[in-house]
Structures are given as structure tokens and as C-alpha cells.
Amino acid sequence: MGSSNGLHARPADLITREARRWESRIEFIGESRRVDGKSILDVLTLAAEQGTRLVIEATGPDADKALEAIGRLFDCNFNELGEDNLNPIG
């Protein structure tokens, strides 16, 4: 997990907003729980703390692109320095 605080409300919101942009089904798997990646409540129920391993599965016509986009959120640490760089204008 990238965020130093784990998967709390702000990162979960960013993930689910990104997931809903894609047609594909997106699921997060943590330990023995599988949840809908487009539902913030489901994602929050994972209670993923820093260091938790999550598997992200996407199935559908744009699955590869969806996984890349969600992966970028993790790679940029959910942009802990501010959201301005996540969605640059222009």
C-alpha cells in the first residue's frame, strides 16, 4: 500500500472515482475478502492499513487501462502532497 495512513477515506474515494470511470468490473481482494472497487463503502471495509497487500482484478473491455489508471494512484501515493497534480488542467 502506498499511503502512509493506509486506505482511509481520501484514497478510497480517489480509487472508487477512478474505478467508476471504466466499464470493466473492478475488484479488490485483501486477505480473504473480495469487494467491488466501484463502491467506497466496500473498499473501506477492507480496513487496509499501511503494508497491507491488495490484489486488484479487472475484467472487461477496458480492464488493462483501468488497472493502469488505478495503479498510478498507488504509484503517486494518492498524491499525498495535494490533489492538484492528479488531474492537471490542459
N, C-alpha and C. Protein backbone atom coordinates (compact mmCIF):
# COMPACT_ATOMS: atom_id res chain seq x y z
N MET A 1 0.84 -1.17 0.00
CA MET A 1 0.00 0.00 0.00
C MET A 1 0.88 1.23 0.00
N GLY A 2 0.53 2.21 -0.80
CA GLY A 2 1.34 3.40 -0.91
C GLY A 2 1.12 4.42 0.17
N SER A 3 -0.09 4.69 0.60
CA SER A 3 -0.37 5.75 1.55
C SER A 3 0.18 5.41 2.92
N SER A 4 0.83 6.40 3.57
CA SER A 4 1.40 6.17 4.88
C SER A 4 0.32 5.96 5.93
N ASN A 5 -0.90 6.34 5.64
CA ASN A 5 -2.01 6.17 6.58
C ASN A 5 -2.89 4.98 6.23
N GLY A 6 -2.53 4.21 5.23
CA GLY A 6 -3.37 3.11 4.81
C GLY A 6 -4.47 3.59 3.88
N LEU A 7 -5.43 2.73 3.67
CA LEU A 7 -6.51 3.02 2.72
C LEU A 7 -7.69 3.64 3.46
N HIS A 8 -7.52 4.90 3.84
CA HIS A 8 -8.57 5.62 4.56
C HIS A 8 -9.51 6.28 3.55
N ALA A 9 -10.38 7.16 4.01
CA ALA A 9 -11.45 7.70 3.18
C ALA A 9 -10.96 8.41 1.92
N ARG A 10 -9.94 9.25 2.02
CA ARG A 10 -9.50 10.01 0.84
C ARG A 10 -8.96 9.10 -0.27
N PRO A 11 -8.01 8.20 0.02
CA PRO A 11 -7.57 7.30 -1.04
C PRO A 11 -8.69 6.40 -1.56
N ALA A 12 -9.57 5.93 -0.68
CA ALA A 12 -10.68 5.09 -1.12
C ALA A 12 -11.59 5.86 -2.07
N ASP A 13 -11.81 7.14 -1.78
CA ASP A 13 -12.63 7.98 -2.66
C ASP A 13 -11.96 8.13 -4.02
N LEU A 14 -10.66 8.38 -4.04
CA LEU A 14 -9.94 8.53 -5.31
C LEU A 14 -9.99 7.24 -6.12
N ILE A 15 -9.80 6.12 -5.46
CA ILE A 15 -9.83 4.82 -6.14
C ILE A 15 -11.20 4.55 -6.74
N THR A 16 -12.24 4.73 -5.95
CA THR A 16 -13.57 4.40 -6.46
C THR A 16 -14.02 5.35 -7.55
N ARG A 17 -13.62 6.62 -7.44
CA ARG A 17 -13.95 7.55 -8.53
C ARG A 17 -13.26 7.12 -9.82
N GLU A 18 -12.00 6.72 -9.71
CA GLU A 18 -11.27 6.26 -10.89
C GLU A 18 -11.90 4.97 -11.42
N ALA A 19 -12.23 4.04 -10.56
CA ALA A 19 -12.81 2.76 -10.97
C ALA A 19 -14.13 2.95 -11.71
N ARG A 20 -14.93 3.91 -11.27
CA ARG A 20 -16.23 4.14 -11.91
C ARG A 20 -16.11 4.75 -13.29
N ARG A 21 -14.94 5.24 -13.65
CA ARG A 21 -14.73 5.80 -15.00
C ARG A 21 -14.67 4.70 -16.06
N TRP A 22 -14.46 3.46 -15.63
CA TRP A 22 -14.22 2.36 -16.56
C TRP A 22 -15.40 1.42 -16.62
N GLU A 23 -15.61 0.85 -17.78
CA GLU A 23 -16.71 -0.09 -17.99
C GLU A 23 -16.45 -1.43 -17.28
N SER A 24 -15.20 -1.81 -17.19
CA SER A 24 -14.84 -3.11 -16.62
C SER A 24 -15.24 -3.25 -15.16
N ARG A 25 -15.44 -4.49 -14.76
CA ARG A 25 -15.68 -4.82 -13.36
C ARG A 25 -14.32 -4.76 -12.66
N ILE A 26 -14.26 -4.07 -11.53
CA ILE A 26 -13.01 -3.91 -10.80
C ILE A 26 -13.24 -4.38 -9.37
N GLU A 27 -12.36 -5.29 -8.92
CA GLU A 27 -12.49 -5.83 -7.57
C GLU A 27 -11.15 -5.74 -6.84
N PHE A 28 -11.25 -5.51 -5.54
CA PHE A 28 -10.07 -5.51 -4.67
C PHE A 28 -10.16 -6.72 -3.77
N ILE A 29 -9.04 -7.42 -3.62
CA ILE A 29 -9.00 -8.60 -2.79
C ILE A 29 -7.95 -8.37 -1.71
N GLY A 30 -8.39 -8.46 -0.46
CA GLY A 30 -7.49 -8.30 0.66
C GLY A 30 -7.72 -9.43 1.63
N GLU A 31 -6.68 -10.17 1.93
CA GLU A 31 -6.76 -11.36 2.77
C GLU A 31 -7.86 -12.28 2.24
N SER A 32 -8.96 -12.45 2.94
CA SER A 32 -9.99 -13.39 2.47
C SER A 32 -11.24 -12.66 2.00
N ARG A 33 -11.12 -11.37 1.71
CA ARG A 33 -12.29 -10.56 1.35
C ARG A 33 -12.14 -10.00 -0.06
N ARG A 34 -13.20 -10.09 -0.85
CA ARG A 34 -13.24 -9.56 -2.21
C ARG A 34 -14.36 -8.51 -2.25
N VAL A 35 -14.01 -7.28 -2.72
CA VAL A 35 -15.01 -6.21 -2.72
C VAL A 35 -15.07 -5.52 -4.08
N ASP A 36 -16.19 -4.85 -4.30
CA ASP A 36 -16.42 -4.07 -5.51
C ASP A 36 -15.58 -2.79 -5.45
N GLY A 37 -14.68 -2.61 -6.39
CA GLY A 37 -13.80 -1.45 -6.43
C GLY A 37 -14.49 -0.15 -6.79
N LYS A 38 -15.76 -0.23 -7.16
CA LYS A 38 -16.51 0.98 -7.51
C LYS A 38 -17.36 1.47 -6.34
N SER A 39 -17.30 0.78 -5.21
CA SER A 39 -18.07 1.13 -4.03
C SER A 39 -17.14 1.58 -2.92
N ILE A 40 -17.23 2.86 -2.53
CA ILE A 40 -16.35 3.35 -1.47
C ILE A 40 -16.59 2.60 -0.16
N LEU A 41 -17.83 2.27 0.14
CA LEU A 41 -18.11 1.54 1.37
C LEU A 41 -17.45 0.17 1.35
N ASP A 42 -17.54 -0.52 0.21
CA ASP A 42 -16.89 -1.83 0.09
C ASP A 42 -15.38 -1.71 0.26
N VAL A 43 -14.79 -0.73 -0.40
CA VAL A 43 -13.33 -0.56 -0.32
C VAL A 43 -12.90 -0.25 1.12
N LEU A 44 -13.67 0.59 1.80
CA LEU A 44 -13.34 0.92 3.18
C LEU A 44 -13.45 -0.29 4.11
N THR A 45 -14.34 -1.24 3.79
CA THR A 45 -14.48 -2.43 4.64
C THR A 45 -13.24 -3.31 4.63
N LEU A 46 -12.34 -3.09 3.67
CA LEU A 46 -11.09 -3.84 3.66
C LEU A 46 -10.21 -3.46 4.85
N ALA A 47 -10.42 -2.26 5.39
CA ALA A 47 -9.63 -1.77 6.53
C ALA A 47 -8.14 -1.99 6.29
N ALA A 48 -7.69 -1.66 5.08
CA ALA A 48 -6.31 -1.90 4.67
C ALA A 48 -5.37 -0.86 5.28
N GLU A 49 -4.53 -1.32 6.18
CA GLU A 49 -3.54 -0.45 6.81
C GLU A 49 -2.29 -0.43 5.96
N GLN A 50 -1.38 0.50 6.28
CA GLN A 50 -0.13 0.56 5.55
C GLN A 50 0.55 -0.80 5.60
N GLY A 51 1.03 -1.25 4.46
CA GLY A 51 1.70 -2.54 4.36
C GLY A 51 0.78 -3.68 3.96
N THR A 52 -0.52 -3.44 3.93
CA THR A 52 -1.47 -4.47 3.52
C THR A 52 -1.30 -4.76 2.04
N ARG A 53 -1.30 -6.04 1.71
CA ARG A 53 -1.22 -6.43 0.29
C ARG A 53 -2.63 -6.58 -0.25
N LEU A 54 -2.87 -5.88 -1.36
CA LEU A 54 -4.15 -5.97 -2.04
C LEU A 54 -3.93 -6.47 -3.46
N VAL A 55 -4.84 -7.25 -3.96
CA VAL A 55 -4.84 -7.67 -5.35
C VAL A 55 -5.99 -6.92 -6.01
N ILE A 56 -5.73 -6.37 -7.18
CA ILE A 56 -6.77 -5.68 -7.93
C ILE A 56 -7.03 -6.49 -9.19
N GLU A 57 -8.28 -6.87 -9.40
CA GLU A 57 -8.66 -7.60 -10.60
C GLU A 57 -9.64 -6.76 -11.40
N ALA A 58 -9.45 -6.75 -12.69
CA ALA A 58 -10.37 -6.05 -13.59
C ALA A 58 -10.69 -6.98 -14.75
N THR A 59 -11.97 -7.07 -15.07
CA THR A 59 -12.40 -7.87 -16.22
C THR A 59 -13.36 -7.05 -17.05
N GLY A 60 -13.11 -7.04 -18.33
CA GLY A 60 -13.96 -6.28 -19.24
C GLY A 60 -13.15 -5.67 -20.35
N PRO A 61 -13.81 -4.91 -21.21
CA PRO A 61 -13.19 -4.40 -22.42
C PRO A 61 -12.06 -3.39 -22.19
N ASP A 62 -12.07 -2.68 -21.06
CA ASP A 62 -11.03 -1.69 -20.81
C ASP A 62 -10.24 -2.02 -19.54
N ALA A 63 -10.17 -3.31 -19.21
CA ALA A 63 -9.54 -3.76 -17.97
C ALA A 63 -8.08 -3.31 -17.85
N ASP A 64 -7.31 -3.45 -18.92
CA ASP A 64 -5.89 -3.08 -18.86
C ASP A 64 -5.72 -1.59 -18.55
N LYS A 65 -6.49 -0.77 -19.22
CA LYS A 65 -6.39 0.68 -18.99
C LYS A 65 -6.85 1.05 -17.58
N ALA A 66 -7.89 0.38 -17.11
CA ALA A 66 -8.39 0.64 -15.75
C ALA A 66 -7.33 0.29 -14.72
N LEU A 67 -6.69 -0.86 -14.87
CA LEU A 67 -5.65 -1.27 -13.93
C LEU A 67 -4.47 -0.30 -13.95
N GLU A 68 -4.10 0.17 -15.14
CA GLU A 68 -3.02 1.15 -15.25
C GLU A 68 -3.37 2.43 -14.50
N ALA A 69 -4.58 2.91 -14.69
CA ALA A 69 -5.01 4.16 -14.06
C ALA A 69 -5.06 4.03 -12.54
N ILE A 70 -5.59 2.94 -12.06
CA ILE A 70 -5.65 2.72 -10.61
C ILE A 70 -4.25 2.52 -10.05
N GLY A 71 -3.42 1.82 -10.78
CA GLY A 71 -2.03 1.63 -10.36
C GLY A 71 -1.29 2.95 -10.21
N ARG A 72 -1.58 3.91 -11.10
CA ARG A 72 -0.94 5.23 -11.00
C ARG A 72 -1.30 5.92 -9.69
N LEU A 73 -2.53 5.72 -9.21
CA LEU A 73 -2.92 6.31 -7.92
C LEU A 73 -2.04 5.77 -6.80
N PHE A 74 -1.81 4.46 -6.82
CA PHE A 74 -0.94 3.86 -5.81
C PHE A 74 0.50 4.34 -5.99
N ASP A 75 0.96 4.39 -7.25
CA ASP A 75 2.34 4.81 -7.53
C ASP A 75 2.63 6.22 -7.05
N CYS A 76 1.65 7.11 -7.16
CA CYS A 76 1.86 8.50 -6.75
C CYS A 76 1.43 8.71 -5.30
N ASN A 77 1.27 7.59 -4.56
CA ASN A 77 0.94 7.66 -3.14
C ASN A 77 -0.34 8.43 -2.91
N PHE A 78 -1.29 8.29 -3.82
CA PHE A 78 -2.56 9.00 -3.78
C PHE A 78 -2.33 10.50 -3.69
N ASN A 79 -1.19 10.89 -4.26
CA ASN A 79 -0.79 12.30 -4.33
C ASN A 79 -0.91 12.98 -2.97
N GLU A 80 -0.20 12.42 -1.98
CA GLU A 80 -0.29 12.93 -0.62
C GLU A 80 0.14 14.38 -0.48
N LEU A 81 0.83 14.91 -1.49
CA LEU A 81 1.24 16.30 -1.42
C LEU A 81 0.13 17.24 -1.86
N GLY A 82 -0.95 16.70 -2.36
CA GLY A 82 -2.07 17.52 -2.81
C GLY A 82 -2.69 16.93 -4.05
N GLU A 83 -3.96 17.19 -4.29
CA GLU A 83 -4.66 16.61 -5.43
C GLU A 83 -4.40 17.35 -6.73
N ASP A 84 -3.80 18.52 -6.68
CA ASP A 84 -3.63 19.33 -7.89
C ASP A 84 -2.92 18.60 -9.01
N ASN A 85 -1.96 17.74 -8.68
CA ASN A 85 -1.18 17.06 -9.71
C ASN A 85 -1.87 15.82 -10.26
N LEU A 86 -2.94 15.35 -9.62
CA LEU A 86 -3.63 14.18 -10.12
C LEU A 86 -4.39 14.45 -11.40
N ASN A 87 -5.01 15.60 -11.47
CA ASN A 87 -5.82 15.95 -12.64
C ASN A 87 -5.36 17.28 -13.20
N PRO A 88 -4.19 17.30 -13.83
CA PRO A 88 -3.70 18.58 -14.34
C PRO A 88 -4.60 19.14 -15.43
N ILE A 89 -4.71 20.43 -15.46
CA ILE A 89 -5.51 21.13 -16.47
C ILE A 89 -4.66 21.29 -17.71
N GLY A 90 -5.27 20.97 -18.87
CA GLY A 90 -4.58 21.16 -20.13
C GLY A 90 -3.80 20.06 -20.53
